[in-house]
Amino acid sequence: MKIEYLILIILLAYFYKISIKDSISESKNKKFIQENLKIGSYVVIMSGIIGEVIEMDESTVIIVSGNREHRSYLRIEKESIKKIIDRLN
């Protein structure tokens, strides 16, 4: 009888960690990005591309990625930004 309660408690704790705690930390990360994103910031987008923000409007961002010889300009949605990183060397 007690082992069933133990299994239930473990399952509830796992559910809390997976669903609730991860969504709270993800919403905090989105809020941080909205408040700190500016022109000149280096960002990583969901697909793993790293680039520098060169232009912004309400919902989209233009980033430049690549090296000096081969630059790519990408227009992305602000929602697809995964994180802001420190300036690259």
PDB file of N, CA and C in Angstrom:
ATOM      1  N   MET A   1       0.819  -1.189   0.000  1.00  0.00           N
ATOM      2  CA  MET A   1       0.000   0.000   0.000  1.00  0.00           C
ATOM      3  C   MET A   1       0.869   1.262   0.000  1.00  0.00           C
ATOM      4  N   LYS A   2       1.944   1.305   0.771  1.00  0.00           N
ATOM      5  CA  LYS A   2       2.772   2.495   0.862  1.00  0.00           C
ATOM      6  C   LYS A   2       3.608   2.707  -0.396  1.00  0.00           C
ATOM      7  N   ILE A   3       3.965   1.640  -1.087  1.00  0.00           N
ATOM      8  CA  ILE A   3       4.781   1.776  -2.295  1.00  0.00           C
ATOM      9  C   ILE A   3       4.000   2.506  -3.392  1.00  0.00           C
ATOM     10  N   GLU A   4       2.674   2.332  -3.438  1.00  0.00           N
ATOM     11  CA  GLU A   4       1.858   3.030  -4.429  1.00  0.00           C
ATOM     12  C   GLU A   4       1.893   4.538  -4.190  1.00  0.00           C
ATOM     13  N   TYR A   5       1.847   4.939  -2.924  1.00  0.00           N
ATOM     14  CA  TYR A   5       1.917   6.356  -2.610  1.00  0.00           C
ATOM     15  C   TYR A   5       3.285   6.937  -2.950  1.00  0.00           C
ATOM     16  N   LEU A   6       4.319   6.172  -2.715  1.00  0.00           N
ATOM     17  CA  LEU A   6       5.672   6.605  -3.049  1.00  0.00           C
ATOM     18  C   LEU A   6       5.820   6.788  -4.559  1.00  0.00           C
ATOM     19  N   ILE A   7       5.312   5.860  -5.321  1.00  0.00           N
ATOM     20  CA  ILE A   7       5.361   5.974  -6.785  1.00  0.00           C
ATOM     21  C   ILE A   7       4.558   7.189  -7.243  1.00  0.00           C
ATOM     22  N   LEU A   8       3.402   7.410  -6.652  1.00  0.00           N
ATOM     23  CA  LEU A   8       2.576   8.570  -7.002  1.00  0.00           C
ATOM     24  C   LEU A   8       3.292   9.876  -6.689  1.00  0.00           C
ATOM     25  N   ILE A   9       3.950   9.955  -5.557  1.00  0.00           N
ATOM     26  CA  ILE A   9       4.696  11.166  -5.185  1.00  0.00           C
ATOM     27  C   ILE A   9       5.853  11.399  -6.154  1.00  0.00           C
ATOM     28  N   ILE A  10       6.554  10.351  -6.537  1.00  0.00           N
ATOM     29  CA  ILE A  10       7.661  10.483  -7.490  1.00  0.00           C
ATOM     30  C   ILE A  10       7.145  10.959  -8.843  1.00  0.00           C
ATOM     31  N   LEU A  11       6.034  10.408  -9.295  1.00  0.00           N
ATOM     32  CA  LEU A  11       5.454  10.831 -10.576  1.00  0.00           C
ATOM     33  C   LEU A  11       5.002  12.291 -10.533  1.00  0.00           C
ATOM     34  N   LEU A  12       4.404  12.710  -9.443  1.00  0.00           N
ATOM     35  CA  LEU A  12       3.979  14.108  -9.310  1.00  0.00           C
ATOM     36  C   LEU A  12       5.179  15.054  -9.288  1.00  0.00           C
ATOM     37  N   ALA A  13       6.240  14.684  -8.602  1.00  0.00           N
ATOM     38  CA  ALA A  13       7.438  15.519  -8.572  1.00  0.00           C
ATOM     39  C   ALA A  13       8.066  15.613  -9.961  1.00  0.00           C
ATOM     40  N   TYR A  14       8.092  14.518 -10.690  1.00  0.00           N
ATOM     41  CA  TYR A  14       8.626  14.521 -12.056  1.00  0.00           C
ATOM     42  C   TYR A  14       7.764  15.395 -12.968  1.00  0.00           C
ATOM     43  N   PHE A  15       6.444  15.294 -12.842  1.00  0.00           N
ATOM     44  CA  PHE A  15       5.544  16.126 -13.626  1.00  0.00           C
ATOM     45  C   PHE A  15       5.770  17.601 -13.329  1.00  0.00           C
ATOM     46  N   TYR A  16       5.948  17.950 -12.058  1.00  0.00           N
ATOM     47  CA  TYR A  16       6.208  19.334 -11.681  1.00  0.00           C
ATOM     48  C   TYR A  16       7.490  19.834 -12.326  1.00  0.00           C
ATOM     49  N   LYS A  17       8.548  19.034 -12.271  1.00  0.00           N
ATOM     50  CA  LYS A  17       9.828  19.446 -12.826  1.00  0.00           C
ATOM     51  C   LYS A  17       9.740  19.637 -14.337  1.00  0.00           C
ATOM     52  N   ILE A  18       9.126  18.712 -15.010  1.00  0.00           N
ATOM     53  CA  ILE A  18       9.057  18.742 -16.473  1.00  0.00           C
ATOM     54  C   ILE A  18       8.151  19.864 -16.969  1.00  0.00           C
ATOM     55  N   SER A  19       6.955  19.961 -16.457  1.00  0.00           N
ATOM     56  CA  SER A  19       5.994  20.883 -17.053  1.00  0.00           C
ATOM     57  C   SER A  19       5.991  22.272 -16.423  1.00  0.00           C
ATOM     58  N   ILE A  20       5.864  22.355 -15.163  1.00  0.00           N
ATOM     59  CA  ILE A  20       5.659  23.648 -14.520  1.00  0.00           C
ATOM     60  C   ILE A  20       6.971  24.408 -14.363  1.00  0.00           C
ATOM     61  N   LYS A  21       7.977  23.783 -13.819  1.00  0.00           N
ATOM     62  CA  LYS A  21       9.238  24.476 -13.545  1.00  0.00           C
ATOM     63  C   LYS A  21       9.935  24.910 -14.837  1.00  0.00           C
ATOM     64  N   ASP A  22       9.922  24.062 -15.876  1.00  0.00           N
ATOM     65  CA  ASP A  22      10.550  24.428 -17.141  1.00  0.00           C
ATOM     66  C   ASP A  22       9.824  25.577 -17.826  1.00  0.00           C
ATOM     67  N   SER A  23       8.501  25.596 -17.753  1.00  0.00           N
ATOM     68  CA  SER A  23       7.762  26.684 -18.386  1.00  0.00           C
ATOM     69  C   SER A  23       7.981  28.004 -17.649  1.00  0.00           C
ATOM     70  N   ILE A  24       8.144  27.957 -16.330  1.00  0.00           N
ATOM     71  CA  ILE A  24       8.426  29.175 -15.568  1.00  0.00           C
ATOM     72  C   ILE A  24       9.798  29.726 -15.936  1.00  0.00           C
ATOM     73  N   SER A  25      10.804  28.869 -16.020  1.00  0.00           N
ATOM     74  CA  SER A  25      12.140  29.348 -16.376  1.00  0.00           C
ATOM     75  C   SER A  25      12.184  29.831 -17.819  1.00  0.00           C
ATOM     76  N   GLU A  26      11.424  29.203 -18.703  1.00  0.00           N
ATOM     77  CA  GLU A  26      11.376  29.655 -20.097  1.00  0.00           C
ATOM     78  C   GLU A  26      10.714  31.024 -20.208  1.00  0.00           C
ATOM     79  N   SER A  27       9.665  31.268 -19.448  1.00  0.00           N
ATOM     80  CA  SER A  27       9.012  32.577 -19.494  1.00  0.00           C
ATOM     81  C   SER A  27       9.914  33.659 -18.897  1.00  0.00           C
ATOM     82  N   LYS A  28      10.711  33.330 -17.886  1.00  0.00           N
ATOM     83  CA  LYS A  28      11.675  34.289 -17.340  1.00  0.00           C
ATOM     84  C   LYS A  28      12.742  34.625 -18.375  1.00  0.00           C
ATOM     85  N   ASN A  29      13.194  33.620 -19.135  1.00  0.00           N
ATOM     86  CA  ASN A  29      14.188  33.845 -20.176  1.00  0.00           C
ATOM     87  C   ASN A  29      13.624  34.736 -21.278  1.00  0.00           C
ATOM     88  N   LYS A  30      12.376  34.512 -21.693  1.00  0.00           N
ATOM     89  CA  LYS A  30      11.741  35.346 -22.722  1.00  0.00           C
ATOM     90  C   LYS A  30      11.623  36.791 -22.249  1.00  0.00           C
ATOM     91  N   LYS A  31      11.265  36.996 -20.983  1.00  0.00           N
ATOM     92  CA  LYS A  31      11.144  38.345 -20.440  1.00  0.00           C
ATOM     93  C   LYS A  31      12.513  39.026 -20.413  1.00  0.00           C
ATOM     94  N   PHE A  32      13.560  38.291 -20.025  1.00  0.00           N
ATOM     95  CA  PHE A  32      14.916  38.833 -20.011  1.00  0.00           C
ATOM     96  C   PHE A  32      15.341  39.260 -21.411  1.00  0.00           C
ATOM     97  N   ILE A  33      15.032  38.443 -22.415  1.00  0.00           N
ATOM     98  CA  ILE A  33      15.400  38.770 -23.793  1.00  0.00           C
ATOM     99  C   ILE A  33      14.659  40.018 -24.256  1.00  0.00           C
ATOM    100  N   GLN A  34      13.369  40.128 -23.958  1.00  0.00           N
ATOM    101  CA  GLN A  34      12.600  41.298 -24.367  1.00  0.00           C
ATOM    102  C   GLN A  34      13.144  42.579 -23.744  1.00  0.00           C
ATOM    103  N   GLU A  35      13.579  42.511 -22.499  1.00  0.00           N
ATOM    104  CA  GLU A  35      14.058  43.703 -21.803  1.00  0.00           C
ATOM    105  C   GLU A  35      15.474  44.098 -22.192  1.00  0.00           C
ATOM    106  N   ASN A  36      16.326  43.139 -22.574  1.00  0.00           N
ATOM    107  CA  ASN A  36      17.744  43.416 -22.781  1.00  0.00           C
ATOM    108  C   ASN A  36      18.208  43.356 -24.230  1.00  0.00           C
ATOM    109  N   LEU A  37      17.332  43.026 -25.160  1.00  0.00           N
ATOM    110  CA  LEU A  37      17.719  42.948 -26.562  1.00  0.00           C
ATOM    111  C   LEU A  37      17.883  44.357 -27.129  1.00  0.00           C
ATOM    112  N   LYS A  38      19.023  44.607 -27.748  1.00  0.00           N
ATOM    113  CA  LYS A  38      19.284  45.914 -28.352  1.00  0.00           C
ATOM    114  C   LYS A  38      20.193  45.723 -29.561  1.00  0.00           C
ATOM    115  N   ILE A  39      20.333  46.769 -30.343  1.00  0.00           N
ATOM    116  CA  ILE A  39      21.208  46.720 -31.505  1.00  0.00           C
ATOM    117  C   ILE A  39      22.645  46.541 -31.013  1.00  0.00           C
ATOM    118  N   GLY A  40      23.354  45.601 -31.621  1.00  0.00           N
ATOM    119  CA  GLY A  40      24.709  45.277 -31.213  1.00  0.00           C
ATOM    120  C   GLY A  40      24.810  44.038 -30.345  1.00  0.00           C
ATOM    121  N   SER A  41      23.663  43.523 -29.885  1.00  0.00           N
ATOM    122  CA  SER A  41      23.664  42.303 -29.077  1.00  0.00           C
ATOM    123  C   SER A  41      23.955  41.094 -29.955  1.00  0.00           C
ATOM    124  N   TYR A  42      24.678  40.141 -29.402  1.00  0.00           N
ATOM    125  CA  TYR A  42      24.892  38.864 -30.077  1.00  0.00           C
ATOM    126  C   TYR A  42      23.875  37.879 -29.535  1.00  0.00           C
ATOM    127  N   VAL A  43      23.186  37.186 -30.448  1.00  0.00           N
ATOM    128  CA  VAL A  43      22.109  36.282 -30.059  1.00  0.00           C
ATOM    129  C   VAL A  43      22.308  34.909 -30.677  1.00  0.00           C
ATOM    130  N   VAL A  44      21.693  33.922 -30.042  1.00  0.00           N
ATOM    131  CA  VAL A  44      21.593  32.579 -30.590  1.00  0.00           C
ATOM    132  C   VAL A  44      20.114  32.337 -30.820  1.00  0.00           C
ATOM    133  N   ILE A  45      19.758  31.917 -32.045  1.00  0.00           N
ATOM    134  CA  ILE A  45      18.357  31.634 -32.324  1.00  0.00           C
ATOM    135  C   ILE A  45      18.100  30.145 -32.146  1.00  0.00           C
ATOM    136  N   MET A  46      16.840  29.754 -32.192  1.00  0.00           N
ATOM    137  CA  MET A  46      16.438  28.367 -31.910  1.00  0.00           C
ATOM    138  C   MET A  46      17.170  27.346 -32.777  1.00  0.00           C
ATOM    139  N   SER A  47      17.506  27.702 -34.005  1.00  0.00           N
ATOM    140  CA  SER A  47      18.170  26.751 -34.895  1.00  0.00           C
ATOM    141  C   SER A  47      19.670  26.688 -34.668  1.00  0.00           C
ATOM    142  N   GLY A  48      20.203  27.509 -33.760  1.00  0.00           N
ATOM    143  CA  GLY A  48      21.620  27.457 -33.422  1.00  0.00           C
ATOM    144  C   GLY A  48      22.474  28.486 -34.137  1.00  0.00           C
ATOM    145  N   ILE A  49      21.884  29.334 -34.955  1.00  0.00           N
ATOM    146  CA  ILE A  49      22.639  30.349 -35.673  1.00  0.00           C
ATOM    147  C   ILE A  49      22.986  31.477 -34.711  1.00  0.00           C
ATOM    148  N   ILE A  50      24.252  31.923 -34.764  1.00  0.00           N
ATOM    149  CA  ILE A  50      24.726  33.023 -33.937  1.00  0.00           C
ATOM    150  C   ILE A  50      24.880  34.244 -34.825  1.00  0.00           C
ATOM    151  N   GLY A  51      24.386  35.382 -34.358  1.00  0.00           N
ATOM    152  CA  GLY A  51      24.488  36.590 -35.151  1.00  0.00           C
ATOM    153  C   GLY A  51      24.390  37.844 -34.303  1.00  0.00           C
ATOM    154  N   GLU A  52      24.693  38.973 -34.928  1.00  0.00           N
ATOM    155  CA  GLU A  52      24.639  40.270 -34.265  1.00  0.00           C
ATOM    156  C   GLU A  52      23.397  41.018 -34.739  1.00  0.00           C
ATOM    157  N   VAL A  53      22.672  41.597 -33.804  1.00  0.00           N
ATOM    158  CA  VAL A  53      21.469  42.355 -34.133  1.00  0.00           C
ATOM    159  C   VAL A  53      21.890  43.688 -34.750  1.00  0.00           C
ATOM    160  N   ILE A  54      21.357  43.974 -35.946  1.00  0.00           N
ATOM    161  CA  ILE A  54      21.698  45.244 -36.598  1.00  0.00           C
ATOM    162  C   ILE A  54      20.483  46.144 -36.801  1.00  0.00           C
ATOM    163  N   GLU A  55      19.276  45.563 -36.694  1.00  0.00           N
ATOM    164  CA  GLU A  55      18.058  46.352 -36.861  1.00  0.00           C
ATOM    165  C   GLU A  55      16.926  45.653 -36.145  1.00  0.00           C
ATOM    166  N   MET A  56      16.012  46.447 -35.565  1.00  0.00           N
ATOM    167  CA  MET A  56      14.890  45.881 -34.811  1.00  0.00           C
ATOM    168  C   MET A  56      13.615  46.658 -35.101  1.00  0.00           C
ATOM    169  N   ASP A  57      12.486  45.970 -35.044  1.00  0.00           N
ATOM    170  CA  ASP A  57      11.185  46.619 -34.953  1.00  0.00           C
ATOM    171  C   ASP A  57      10.346  45.846 -33.937  1.00  0.00           C
ATOM    172  N   GLU A  58       9.027  46.001 -33.944  1.00  0.00           N
ATOM    173  CA  GLU A  58       8.207  45.411 -32.879  1.00  0.00           C
ATOM    174  C   GLU A  58       8.307  43.894 -32.793  1.00  0.00           C
ATOM    175  N   SER A  59       8.251  43.211 -33.930  1.00  0.00           N
ATOM    176  CA  SER A  59       8.184  41.753 -33.877  1.00  0.00           C
ATOM    177  C   SER A  59       9.334  41.040 -34.580  1.00  0.00           C
ATOM    178  N   THR A  60      10.131  41.755 -35.364  1.00  0.00           N
ATOM    179  CA  THR A  60      11.222  41.102 -36.096  1.00  0.00           C
ATOM    180  C   THR A  60      12.558  41.769 -35.798  1.00  0.00           C
ATOM    181  N   VAL A  61      13.614  41.011 -36.081  1.00  0.00           N
ATOM    182  CA  VAL A  61      14.985  41.462 -35.868  1.00  0.00           C
ATOM    183  C   VAL A  61      15.778  41.063 -37.099  1.00  0.00           C
ATOM    184  N   ILE A  62      16.687  41.919 -37.530  1.00  0.00           N
ATOM    185  CA  ILE A  62      17.612  41.553 -38.600  1.00  0.00           C
ATOM    186  C   ILE A  62      18.962  41.317 -37.956  1.00  0.00           C
ATOM    187  N   ILE A  63      19.527  40.121 -38.203  1.00  0.00           N
ATOM    188  CA  ILE A  63      20.842  39.793 -37.669  1.00  0.00           C
ATOM    189  C   ILE A  63      21.795  39.544 -38.825  1.00  0.00           C
ATOM    190  N   VAL A  64      23.070  39.779 -38.566  1.00  0.00           N
ATOM    191  CA  VAL A  64      24.108  39.473 -39.538  1.00  0.00           C
ATOM    192  C   VAL A  64      24.943  38.345 -38.945  1.00  0.00           C
ATOM    193  N   SER A  65      25.206  37.344 -39.794  1.00  0.00           N
ATOM    194  CA  SER A  65      25.946  36.178 -39.357  1.00  0.00           C
ATOM    195  C   SER A  65      27.003  35.853 -40.392  1.00  0.00           C
ATOM    196  N   GLY A  66      28.071  35.225 -39.980  1.00  0.00           N
ATOM    197  CA  GLY A  66      29.136  34.853 -40.901  1.00  0.00           C
ATOM    198  C   GLY A  66      30.404  35.632 -40.615  1.00  0.00           C
ATOM    199  N   ASN A  67      31.372  35.524 -41.538  1.00  0.00           N
ATOM    200  CA  ASN A  67      32.632  36.239 -41.362  1.00  0.00           C
ATOM    201  C   ASN A  67      32.681  37.457 -42.284  1.00  0.00           C
ATOM    202  N   ARG A  68      33.814  38.129 -42.349  1.00  0.00           N
ATOM    203  CA  ARG A  68      33.912  39.370 -43.122  1.00  0.00           C
ATOM    204  C   ARG A  68      33.684  39.159 -44.610  1.00  0.00           C
ATOM    205  N   GLU A  69      34.135  38.044 -45.141  1.00  0.00           N
ATOM    206  CA  GLU A  69      33.995  37.798 -46.576  1.00  0.00           C
ATOM    207  C   GLU A  69      32.599  37.304 -46.948  1.00  0.00           C
ATOM    208  N   HIS A  70      32.002  36.523 -46.093  1.00  0.00           N
ATOM    209  CA  HIS A  70      30.703  35.901 -46.392  1.00  0.00           C
ATOM    210  C   HIS A  70      29.719  36.232 -45.279  1.00  0.00           C
ATOM    211  N   ARG A  71      28.980  37.300 -45.465  1.00  0.00           N
ATOM    212  CA  ARG A  71      27.978  37.705 -44.477  1.00  0.00           C
ATOM    213  C   ARG A  71      26.598  37.293 -44.942  1.00  0.00           C
ATOM    214  N   SER A  72      25.776  36.922 -43.984  1.00  0.00           N
ATOM    215  CA  SER A  72      24.379  36.590 -44.262  1.00  0.00           C
ATOM    216  C   SER A  72      23.498  37.467 -43.391  1.00  0.00           C
ATOM    217  N   TYR A  73      22.513  38.070 -44.007  1.00  0.00           N
ATOM    218  CA  TYR A  73      21.553  38.885 -43.288  1.00  0.00           C
ATOM    219  C   TYR A  73      20.260  38.094 -43.166  1.00  0.00           C
ATOM    220  N   LEU A  74      19.785  37.938 -41.946  1.00  0.00           N
ATOM    221  CA  LEU A  74      18.597  37.136 -41.682  1.00  0.00           C
ATOM    222  C   LEU A  74      17.562  37.970 -40.951  1.00  0.00           C
ATOM    223  N   ARG A  75      16.327  37.924 -41.432  1.00  0.00           N
ATOM    224  CA  ARG A  75      15.215  38.551 -40.709  1.00  0.00           C
ATOM    225  C   ARG A  75      14.530  37.434 -39.927  1.00  0.00           C
ATOM    226  N   ILE A  76      14.489  37.577 -38.616  1.00  0.00           N
ATOM    227  CA  ILE A  76      13.887  36.549 -37.762  1.00  0.00           C
ATOM    228  C   ILE A  76      12.865  37.194 -36.832  1.00  0.00           C
ATOM    229  N   GLU A  77      11.999  36.382 -36.274  1.00  0.00           N
ATOM    230  CA  GLU A  77      11.047  36.852 -35.275  1.00  0.00           C
ATOM    231  C   GLU A  77      11.733  36.914 -33.919  1.00  0.00           C
ATOM    232  N   LYS A  78      11.342  37.863 -33.106  1.00  0.00           N
ATOM    233  CA  LYS A  78      11.933  37.977 -31.772  1.00  0.00           C
ATOM    234  C   LYS A  78      11.673  36.731 -30.933  1.00  0.00           C
ATOM    235  N   GLU A  79      10.566  36.058 -31.184  1.00  0.00           N
ATOM    236  CA  GLU A  79      10.223  34.861 -30.427  1.00  0.00           C
ATOM    237  C   GLU A  79      11.188  33.707 -30.679  1.00  0.00           C
ATOM    238  N   SER A  80      11.921  33.738 -31.797  1.00  0.00           N
ATOM    239  CA  SER A  80      12.828  32.635 -32.109  1.00  0.00           C
ATOM    240  C   SER A  80      14.213  32.813 -31.494  1.00  0.00           C
ATOM    241  N   ILE A  81      14.428  33.892 -30.755  1.00  0.00           N
ATOM    242  CA  ILE A  81      15.718  34.105 -30.091  1.00  0.00           C
ATOM    243  C   ILE A  81      15.769  33.244 -28.841  1.00  0.00           C
ATOM    244  N   LYS A  82      16.805  32.429 -28.759  1.00  0.00           N
ATOM    245  CA  LYS A  82      16.960  31.508 -27.638  1.00  0.00           C
ATOM    246  C   LYS A  82      17.670  32.168 -26.464  1.00  0.00           C
ATOM    247  N   LYS A  83      18.769  32.899 -26.750  1.00  0.00           N
ATOM    248  CA  LYS A  83      19.487  33.571 -25.671  1.00  0.00           C
ATOM    249  C   LYS A  83      20.367  34.677 -26.226  1.00  0.00           C
ATOM    250  N   ILE A  84      20.737  35.590 -25.347  1.00  0.00           N
ATOM    251  CA  ILE A  84      21.679  36.663 -25.646  1.00  0.00           C
ATOM    252  C   ILE A  84      23.024  36.228 -25.074  1.00  0.00           C
ATOM    253  N   ILE A  85      24.092  36.351 -25.881  1.00  0.00           N
ATOM    254  CA  ILE A  85      25.407  35.912 -25.425  1.00  0.00           C
ATOM    255  C   ILE A  85      26.342  37.108 -25.344  1.00  0.00           C
ATOM    256  N   ASP A  86      27.476  36.907 -24.665  1.00  0.00           N
ATOM    257  CA  ASP A  86      28.498  37.949 -24.568  1.00  0.00           C
ATOM    258  C   ASP A  86      29.111  38.194 -25.933  1.00  0.00           C
ATOM    259  N   ARG A  87      29.712  39.335 -26.081  1.00  0.00           N
ATOM    260  CA  ARG A  87      30.349  39.718 -27.355  1.00  0.00           C
ATOM    261  C   ARG A  87      31.433  38.716 -27.724  1.00  0.00           C
ATOM    262  N   LEU A  88      31.439  38.326 -28.989  1.00  0.00           N
ATOM    263  CA  LEU A  88      32.416  37.360 -29.476  1.00  0.00           C
ATOM    264  C   LEU A  88      33.761  38.035 -29.723  1.00  0.00           C
ATOM    265  N   ASN A  89      34.825  37.291 -29.647  1.00  0.00           N
ATOM    266  CA  ASN A  89      36.183  37.824 -29.929  1.00  0.00           C
ATOM    267  C   ASN A  89      36.469  37.814 -31.407  1.00  0.00           C
TER     268      ASN A  89
END
